[in-house]
Amino acid sequence: MHTTIAEHDGRLLARLEDDDRVFEVSFDTLEATDVTLHFQRDGEKVGSIYNDDGTQRTMARLTVPGEGDFIAVEVPKSFVAEVLDVAGETDRVANPTDAEGYRLRVL
């Protein structure tokens, strides 16, 4: 599995590649709730990371055109932790306290 999380073209790019999946999102801000991370770009939600089975399976999803449409793939918690770390280091976390609460509950 290969991951890339880096500044690119004025945004943060998060990409995970494996033999059976690819997930990529670029975002301006990362917003956290109790158990969900929301990727925001230009003020709109473009994706999220959520827990499908409590805290067992972590899924990443992209919002696509169309009402209620989305694409989701399972991602390891290590990828989620790295996204949180880099977003925090680059001042892209909307509320650091909420992000720490997410980290405690999910990771």
C-alpha atoms as a PDB file:
ATOM      1  CA  MET A   1       0.000   0.000   0.000  1.00  0.00           C
ATOM      2  CA  HIS A   2       1.301   3.435  -0.933  1.00  0.00           C
ATOM      3  CA  THR A   3       0.076   6.703   0.559  1.00  0.00           C
ATOM      4  CA  THR A   4       0.690  10.317  -0.390  1.00  0.00           C
ATOM      5  CA  ILE A   5      -0.429  13.210   1.771  1.00  0.00           C
ATOM      6  CA  ALA A   6       1.074  16.499   0.665  1.00  0.00           C
ATOM      7  CA  GLU A   7       0.418  20.092  -0.321  1.00  0.00           C
ATOM      8  CA  HIS A   8      -0.461  20.316  -4.010  1.00  0.00           C
ATOM      9  CA  ASP A   9      -1.851  23.217  -6.011  1.00  0.00           C
ATOM     10  CA  GLY A  10      -2.876  25.175  -2.905  1.00  0.00           C
ATOM     11  CA  ARG A  11      -4.695  22.244  -1.287  1.00  0.00           C
ATOM     12  CA  LEU A  12      -3.866  19.144   0.681  1.00  0.00           C
ATOM     13  CA  LEU A  13      -3.887  15.980  -1.431  1.00  0.00           C
ATOM     14  CA  ALA A  14      -4.549  12.655   0.289  1.00  0.00           C
ATOM     15  CA  ARG A  15      -4.089   9.513  -1.808  1.00  0.00           C
ATOM     16  CA  LEU A  16      -4.049   5.817  -0.932  1.00  0.00           C
ATOM     17  CA  GLU A  17      -3.135   3.194  -3.546  1.00  0.00           C
ATOM     18  CA  ASP A  18      -3.306  -0.570  -3.221  1.00  0.00           C
ATOM     19  CA  ASP A  19      -3.707  -3.435  -5.676  1.00  0.00           C
ATOM     20  CA  ASP A  20      -7.483  -3.427  -5.241  1.00  0.00           C
ATOM     21  CA  ARG A  21      -8.314   0.223  -4.508  1.00  0.00           C
ATOM     22  CA  VAL A  22      -7.416   3.854  -4.964  1.00  0.00           C
ATOM     23  CA  PHE A  23      -8.744   6.753  -2.942  1.00  0.00           C
ATOM     24  CA  GLU A  24      -7.777  10.340  -3.656  1.00  0.00           C
ATOM     25  CA  VAL A  25      -9.174  13.643  -2.451  1.00  0.00           C
ATOM     26  CA  SER A  26      -7.881  17.201  -2.402  1.00  0.00           C
ATOM     27  CA  PHE A  27      -9.259  19.556   0.202  1.00  0.00           C
ATOM     28  CA  ASP A  28      -8.883  22.941   1.862  1.00  0.00           C
ATOM     29  CA  THR A  29     -10.232  22.073   5.310  1.00  0.00           C
ATOM     30  CA  LEU A  30     -10.827  18.951   7.380  1.00  0.00           C
ATOM     31  CA  GLU A  31     -13.810  19.095   9.750  1.00  0.00           C
ATOM     32  CA  ALA A  32     -14.332  16.501  12.481  1.00  0.00           C
ATOM     33  CA  THR A  33     -17.460  15.323  14.264  1.00  0.00           C
ATOM     34  CA  ASP A  34     -17.636  12.577  16.881  1.00  0.00           C
ATOM     35  CA  VAL A  35     -16.959   9.738  14.394  1.00  0.00           C
ATOM     36  CA  THR A  36     -16.698  11.368  10.950  1.00  0.00           C
ATOM     37  CA  LEU A  37     -14.138  13.506   9.130  1.00  0.00           C
ATOM     38  CA  HIS A  38     -15.439  15.789   6.377  1.00  0.00           C
ATOM     39  CA  PHE A  39     -13.248  16.990   3.501  1.00  0.00           C
ATOM     40  CA  GLN A  40     -14.196  20.547   2.456  1.00  0.00           C
ATOM     41  CA  ARG A  41     -13.099  22.233  -0.765  1.00  0.00           C
ATOM     42  CA  ASP A  42     -14.209  25.771  -1.651  1.00  0.00           C
ATOM     43  CA  GLY A  43     -16.761  25.578   1.176  1.00  0.00           C
ATOM     44  CA  GLU A  44     -18.406  22.372  -0.066  1.00  0.00           C
ATOM     45  CA  LYS A  45     -18.174  18.822   1.243  1.00  0.00           C
ATOM     46  CA  VAL A  46     -16.302  16.663  -1.279  1.00  0.00           C
ATOM     47  CA  GLY A  47     -15.863  13.532   0.813  1.00  0.00           C
ATOM     48  CA  SER A  48     -15.644  11.995   4.246  1.00  0.00           C
ATOM     49  CA  ILE A  49     -14.138   9.266   6.360  1.00  0.00           C
ATOM     50  CA  TYR A  50     -16.556   7.391   8.565  1.00  0.00           C
ATOM     51  CA  ASN A  51     -16.848   4.180  10.549  1.00  0.00           C
ATOM     52  CA  ASP A  52     -19.094   1.555   9.032  1.00  0.00           C
ATOM     53  CA  ASP A  53     -19.095  -1.017  11.853  1.00  0.00           C
ATOM     54  CA  GLY A  54     -18.562   1.052  14.968  1.00  0.00           C
ATOM     55  CA  THR A  55     -14.803   1.459  15.081  1.00  0.00           C
ATOM     56  CA  GLN A  56     -13.913  -1.751  13.201  1.00  0.00           C
ATOM     57  CA  ARG A  57     -14.050  -0.677   9.552  1.00  0.00           C
ATOM     58  CA  THR A  58     -13.004   2.800   8.417  1.00  0.00           C
ATOM     59  CA  MET A  59     -14.438   3.881   5.070  1.00  0.00           C
ATOM     60  CA  ALA A  60     -13.490   6.837   2.880  1.00  0.00           C
ATOM     61  CA  ARG A  61     -16.043   8.210   0.482  1.00  0.00           C
ATOM     62  CA  LEU A  62     -16.126  10.807  -2.244  1.00  0.00           C
ATOM     63  CA  THR A  63     -19.173  12.813  -3.116  1.00  0.00           C
ATOM     64  CA  VAL A  64     -19.940  12.602  -6.838  1.00  0.00           C
ATOM     65  CA  PRO A  65     -22.483  14.447  -8.994  1.00  0.00           C
ATOM     66  CA  GLY A  66     -26.037  13.250  -8.477  1.00  0.00           C
ATOM     67  CA  GLU A  67     -28.315  13.207  -5.486  1.00  0.00           C
ATOM     68  CA  GLY A  68     -27.098  10.742  -2.881  1.00  0.00           C
ATOM     69  CA  ASP A  69     -24.368   9.279  -5.107  1.00  0.00           C
ATOM     70  CA  PHE A  70     -20.987   8.399  -3.655  1.00  0.00           C
ATOM     71  CA  ILE A  71     -18.007   6.079  -4.038  1.00  0.00           C
ATOM     72  CA  ALA A  72     -16.593   4.423  -0.893  1.00  0.00           C
ATOM     73  CA  VAL A  73     -13.526   2.277  -0.127  1.00  0.00           C
ATOM     74  CA  GLU A  74     -12.134   0.839   3.077  1.00  0.00           C
ATOM     75  CA  VAL A  75      -9.005   2.606   4.331  1.00  0.00           C
ATOM     76  CA  PRO A  76      -6.670   1.658   7.191  1.00  0.00           C
ATOM     77  CA  LYS A  77      -6.730   3.692  10.376  1.00  0.00           C
ATOM     78  CA  SER A  78      -3.029   4.455   9.861  1.00  0.00           C
ATOM     79  CA  PHE A  79      -3.993   6.400   6.701  1.00  0.00           C
ATOM     80  CA  VAL A  80      -6.684   8.300   8.622  1.00  0.00           C
ATOM     81  CA  ALA A  81      -4.203   9.152  11.395  1.00  0.00           C
ATOM     82  CA  GLU A  82      -1.698  10.408   8.821  1.00  0.00           C
ATOM     83  CA  VAL A  83      -4.354  12.594   7.144  1.00  0.00           C
ATOM     84  CA  LEU A  84      -5.226  14.078  10.552  1.00  0.00           C
ATOM     85  CA  ASP A  85      -1.555  14.662  11.388  1.00  0.00           C
ATOM     86  CA  VAL A  86      -0.691  16.420   8.133  1.00  0.00           C
ATOM     87  CA  ALA A  87      -3.932  18.440   8.111  1.00  0.00           C
ATOM     88  CA  GLY A  88      -3.089  19.642  11.629  1.00  0.00           C
ATOM     89  CA  GLU A  89       0.508  20.483  10.712  1.00  0.00           C
ATOM     90  CA  THR A  90      -0.657  22.535   7.707  1.00  0.00           C
ATOM     91  CA  ASP A  91      -3.456  24.403   9.535  1.00  0.00           C
ATOM     92  CA  ARG A  92      -6.228  22.669   7.603  1.00  0.00           C
ATOM     93  CA  VAL A  93      -8.185  21.360  10.595  1.00  0.00           C
ATOM     94  CA  ALA A  94     -11.292  23.466  11.202  1.00  0.00           C
ATOM     95  CA  ASN A  95     -11.394  22.774  14.946  1.00  0.00           C
ATOM     96  CA  PRO A  96      -8.397  21.021  16.564  1.00  0.00           C
ATOM     97  CA  THR A  97     -10.426  20.125  19.676  1.00  0.00           C
ATOM     98  CA  ASP A  98     -13.008  18.279  17.555  1.00  0.00           C
ATOM     99  CA  ALA A  99     -10.204  16.520  15.667  1.00  0.00           C
ATOM    100  CA  GLU A 100      -8.646  15.309  18.931  1.00  0.00           C
ATOM    101  CA  GLY A 101     -12.056  14.021  20.062  1.00  0.00           C
ATOM    102  CA  TYR A 102     -12.361  12.113  16.792  1.00  0.00           C
ATOM    103  CA  ARG A 103      -8.871  10.695  17.268  1.00  0.00           C
ATOM    104  CA  LEU A 104      -9.764   9.467  20.791  1.00  0.00           C
ATOM    105  CA  ARG A 105     -13.050   7.882  19.705  1.00  0.00           C
ATOM    106  CA  VAL A 106     -12.020   6.295  16.421  1.00  0.00           C
ATOM    107  CA  LEU A 107      -8.279   5.801  16.277  1.00  0.00           C
END
